[in-house]
Amino acid sequence: MPNVTVSVPEDLREEMRSRDEVNWSAVMRKAVQEHLRKLAIADAVAEKSELTDEDIEELDALVKQGMGEEYELA
């Protein structure tokens, strides 16, 4: 199996070192597999979508506007 190097901040590395019982390779492998699964689902949904780039930009603007309003209320 090939090796992959992952960079993490020093504080995270220290916390990981304090947990020798954890197989961090397995944790990373599962996290990558799960992320790839979600990307595959998103690709499948996007492939069937009939939205145009213009539609997507309009929805993006509406979502960002709504989020901005929500945070202003908080």
N, C-alpha and C. Protein backbone atom coordinates (compact mmCIF):
# COMPACT_ATOMS: atom_id res chain seq x y z
N MET A 1 0.86 -1.17 0.00
CA MET A 1 0.00 0.00 0.00
C MET A 1 0.90 1.24 0.00
N PRO A 2 0.62 2.22 -0.87
CA PRO A 2 1.46 3.44 -0.91
C PRO A 2 1.28 4.28 0.35
N ASN A 3 2.31 5.06 0.67
CA ASN A 3 2.26 5.98 1.81
C ASN A 3 1.95 7.39 1.32
N VAL A 4 1.23 8.14 2.15
CA VAL A 4 0.91 9.54 1.89
C VAL A 4 1.30 10.33 3.13
N THR A 5 1.96 11.46 2.94
CA THR A 5 2.36 12.31 4.06
C THR A 5 1.33 13.41 4.23
N VAL A 6 0.91 13.63 5.47
CA VAL A 6 -0.08 14.66 5.79
C VAL A 6 0.55 15.65 6.76
N SER A 7 0.41 16.93 6.47
CA SER A 7 0.92 17.97 7.37
C SER A 7 -0.20 18.43 8.29
N VAL A 8 0.12 18.52 9.57
CA VAL A 8 -0.84 19.00 10.56
C VAL A 8 -0.15 20.03 11.45
N PRO A 9 -0.92 20.94 12.04
CA PRO A 9 -0.31 21.91 12.97
C PRO A 9 0.32 21.18 14.16
N GLU A 10 1.32 21.81 14.75
CA GLU A 10 2.06 21.19 15.86
C GLU A 10 1.15 20.82 17.03
N ASP A 11 0.18 21.68 17.36
CA ASP A 11 -0.70 21.37 18.50
C ASP A 11 -1.54 20.13 18.24
N LEU A 12 -1.97 19.96 17.00
CA LEU A 12 -2.73 18.76 16.64
C LEU A 12 -1.83 17.53 16.71
N ARG A 13 -0.62 17.65 16.24
CA ARG A 13 0.33 16.54 16.29
C ARG A 13 0.60 16.12 17.73
N GLU A 14 0.76 17.09 18.62
CA GLU A 14 0.98 16.76 20.04
C GLU A 14 -0.22 16.02 20.62
N GLU A 15 -1.40 16.47 20.27
CA GLU A 15 -2.61 15.79 20.76
C GLU A 15 -2.69 14.36 20.21
N MET A 16 -2.33 14.21 18.93
CA MET A 16 -2.32 12.87 18.33
C MET A 16 -1.30 11.97 19.03
N ARG A 17 -0.13 12.51 19.35
CA ARG A 17 0.92 11.74 20.03
C ARG A 17 0.46 11.27 21.41
N SER A 18 -0.41 12.05 22.03
CA SER A 18 -0.88 11.67 23.36
C SER A 18 -1.87 10.50 23.32
N ARG A 19 -2.27 10.12 22.11
CA ARG A 19 -3.23 9.03 21.94
C ARG A 19 -2.59 7.87 21.18
N ASP A 20 -1.62 7.17 21.82
CA ASP A 20 -0.93 6.09 21.11
C ASP A 20 -1.84 4.91 20.80
N GLU A 21 -2.98 4.82 21.46
CA GLU A 21 -3.88 3.69 21.22
C GLU A 21 -4.63 3.82 19.89
N VAL A 22 -4.58 5.01 19.29
CA VAL A 22 -5.32 5.26 18.05
C VAL A 22 -4.44 4.94 16.84
N ASN A 23 -4.99 4.23 15.90
CA ASN A 23 -4.32 3.94 14.64
C ASN A 23 -4.65 5.11 13.70
N TRP A 24 -3.79 6.13 13.68
CA TRP A 24 -4.08 7.35 12.93
C TRP A 24 -4.12 7.09 11.43
N SER A 25 -3.38 6.12 10.95
CA SER A 25 -3.45 5.77 9.53
C SER A 25 -4.86 5.30 9.17
N ALA A 26 -5.43 4.48 10.02
CA ALA A 26 -6.79 3.98 9.77
C ALA A 26 -7.81 5.12 9.86
N VAL A 27 -7.61 6.02 10.82
CA VAL A 27 -8.52 7.16 10.95
C VAL A 27 -8.47 8.02 9.69
N MET A 28 -7.27 8.33 9.23
CA MET A 28 -7.10 9.14 8.02
C MET A 28 -7.68 8.43 6.80
N ARG A 29 -7.41 7.13 6.69
CA ARG A 29 -7.91 6.35 5.56
C ARG A 29 -9.44 6.40 5.51
N LYS A 30 -10.08 6.20 6.67
CA LYS A 30 -11.55 6.23 6.71
C LYS A 30 -12.07 7.63 6.38
N ALA A 31 -11.40 8.67 6.87
CA ALA A 31 -11.83 10.04 6.59
C ALA A 31 -11.74 10.34 5.09
N VAL A 32 -10.66 9.91 4.46
CA VAL A 32 -10.49 10.14 3.02
C VAL A 32 -11.55 9.35 2.25
N GLN A 33 -11.78 8.10 2.63
CA GLN A 33 -12.80 7.30 1.95
C GLN A 33 -14.17 7.95 2.07
N GLU A 34 -14.51 8.44 3.24
CA GLU A 34 -15.81 9.07 3.46
C GLU A 34 -15.93 10.35 2.63
N HIS A 35 -14.87 11.14 2.58
CA HIS A 35 -14.91 12.37 1.79
C HIS A 35 -15.07 12.05 0.30
N LEU A 36 -14.36 11.04 -0.17
CA LEU A 36 -14.49 10.64 -1.58
C LEU A 36 -15.90 10.13 -1.88
N ARG A 37 -16.50 9.43 -0.92
CA ARG A 37 -17.88 8.95 -1.10
C ARG A 37 -18.84 10.13 -1.25
N LYS A 38 -18.66 11.16 -0.41
CA LYS A 38 -19.51 12.35 -0.49
C LYS A 38 -19.31 13.08 -1.81
N LEU A 39 -18.05 13.15 -2.27
CA LEU A 39 -17.79 13.80 -3.56
C LEU A 39 -18.44 13.04 -4.71
N ALA A 40 -18.43 11.72 -4.65
CA ALA A 40 -19.06 10.91 -5.68
C ALA A 40 -20.56 11.16 -5.72
N ILE A 41 -21.17 11.28 -4.55
CA ILE A 41 -22.61 11.58 -4.48
C ILE A 41 -22.88 12.96 -5.07
N ALA A 42 -22.06 13.95 -4.70
CA ALA A 42 -22.24 15.30 -5.23
C ALA A 42 -22.07 15.30 -6.75
N ASP A 43 -21.10 14.55 -7.26
CA ASP A 43 -20.90 14.47 -8.70
C ASP A 43 -22.12 13.85 -9.39
N ALA A 44 -22.67 12.80 -8.79
CA ALA A 44 -23.84 12.15 -9.37
C ALA A 44 -25.04 13.09 -9.41
N VAL A 45 -25.22 13.86 -8.34
CA VAL A 45 -26.32 14.83 -8.30
C VAL A 45 -26.09 15.92 -9.35
N ALA A 46 -24.88 16.43 -9.41
CA ALA A 46 -24.56 17.50 -10.36
C ALA A 46 -24.71 17.04 -11.80
N GLU A 47 -24.37 15.78 -12.05
CA GLU A 47 -24.48 15.25 -13.41
C GLU A 47 -25.92 15.26 -13.90
N LYS A 48 -26.87 15.03 -13.00
CA LYS A 48 -28.28 15.00 -13.37
C LYS A 48 -28.94 16.37 -13.33
N SER A 49 -28.22 17.35 -12.82
CA SER A 49 -28.78 18.69 -12.66
C SER A 49 -28.95 19.38 -14.01
N GLU A 50 -30.02 20.15 -14.11
CA GLU A 50 -30.26 20.93 -15.32
C GLU A 50 -29.99 22.41 -15.06
N LEU A 51 -29.40 22.72 -13.91
CA LEU A 51 -29.08 24.11 -13.60
C LEU A 51 -27.96 24.61 -14.50
N THR A 52 -28.08 25.87 -14.91
CA THR A 52 -27.01 26.50 -15.68
C THR A 52 -26.02 27.13 -14.70
N ASP A 53 -24.87 27.54 -15.21
CA ASP A 53 -23.90 28.24 -14.37
C ASP A 53 -24.51 29.52 -13.80
N GLU A 54 -25.34 30.18 -14.60
CA GLU A 54 -26.02 31.40 -14.15
C GLU A 54 -26.97 31.09 -12.99
N ASP A 55 -27.72 29.99 -13.09
CA ASP A 55 -28.62 29.57 -12.01
C ASP A 55 -27.83 29.32 -10.72
N ILE A 56 -26.70 28.67 -10.86
CA ILE A 56 -25.87 28.33 -9.70
C ILE A 56 -25.34 29.60 -9.03
N GLU A 57 -24.89 30.55 -9.84
CA GLU A 57 -24.39 31.81 -9.29
C GLU A 57 -25.50 32.57 -8.56
N GLU A 58 -26.70 32.54 -9.12
CA GLU A 58 -27.84 33.21 -8.47
C GLU A 58 -28.18 32.55 -7.13
N LEU A 59 -28.21 31.22 -7.11
CA LEU A 59 -28.47 30.50 -5.86
C LEU A 59 -27.38 30.76 -4.83
N ASP A 60 -26.14 30.79 -5.30
CA ASP A 60 -25.01 31.06 -4.42
C ASP A 60 -25.17 32.42 -3.75
N ALA A 61 -25.53 33.42 -4.52
CA ALA A 61 -25.72 34.77 -3.98
C ALA A 61 -26.86 34.80 -2.96
N LEU A 62 -27.95 34.10 -3.26
CA LEU A 62 -29.08 34.07 -2.33
C LEU A 62 -28.71 33.38 -1.02
N VAL A 63 -27.98 32.28 -1.11
CA VAL A 63 -27.57 31.56 0.10
C VAL A 63 -26.65 32.44 0.94
N LYS A 64 -25.67 33.07 0.29
CA LYS A 64 -24.74 33.93 1.02
C LYS A 64 -25.47 35.11 1.66
N GLN A 65 -26.44 35.67 0.96
CA GLN A 65 -27.22 36.77 1.51
C GLN A 65 -28.00 36.30 2.74
N GLY A 66 -28.63 35.14 2.63
CA GLY A 66 -29.39 34.60 3.75
C GLY A 66 -28.51 34.30 4.95
N MET A 67 -27.31 33.77 4.70
CA MET A 67 -26.39 33.49 5.80
C MET A 67 -25.95 34.78 6.45
N GLY A 68 -25.70 35.79 5.65
CA GLY A 68 -25.29 37.10 6.20
C GLY A 68 -26.37 37.68 7.09
N GLU A 69 -27.61 37.58 6.64
CA GLU A 69 -28.73 38.08 7.45
C GLU A 69 -28.88 37.30 8.74
N GLU A 70 -28.67 35.99 8.67
CA GLU A 70 -28.79 35.14 9.86
C GLU A 70 -27.74 35.52 10.90
N TYR A 71 -26.51 35.77 10.45
CA TYR A 71 -25.45 36.13 11.38
C TYR A 71 -25.64 37.53 11.95
N GLU A 72 -26.26 38.41 11.19
CA GLU A 72 -26.53 39.76 11.70
C GLU A 72 -27.53 39.72 12.85
N LEU A 73 -28.44 38.74 12.79
CA LEU A 73 -29.47 38.61 13.83
C LEU A 73 -28.92 37.99 15.11
N ALA A 74 -27.85 37.24 14.97
CA ALA A 74 -27.30 36.51 16.12
C ALA A 74 -26.59 37.43 17.10
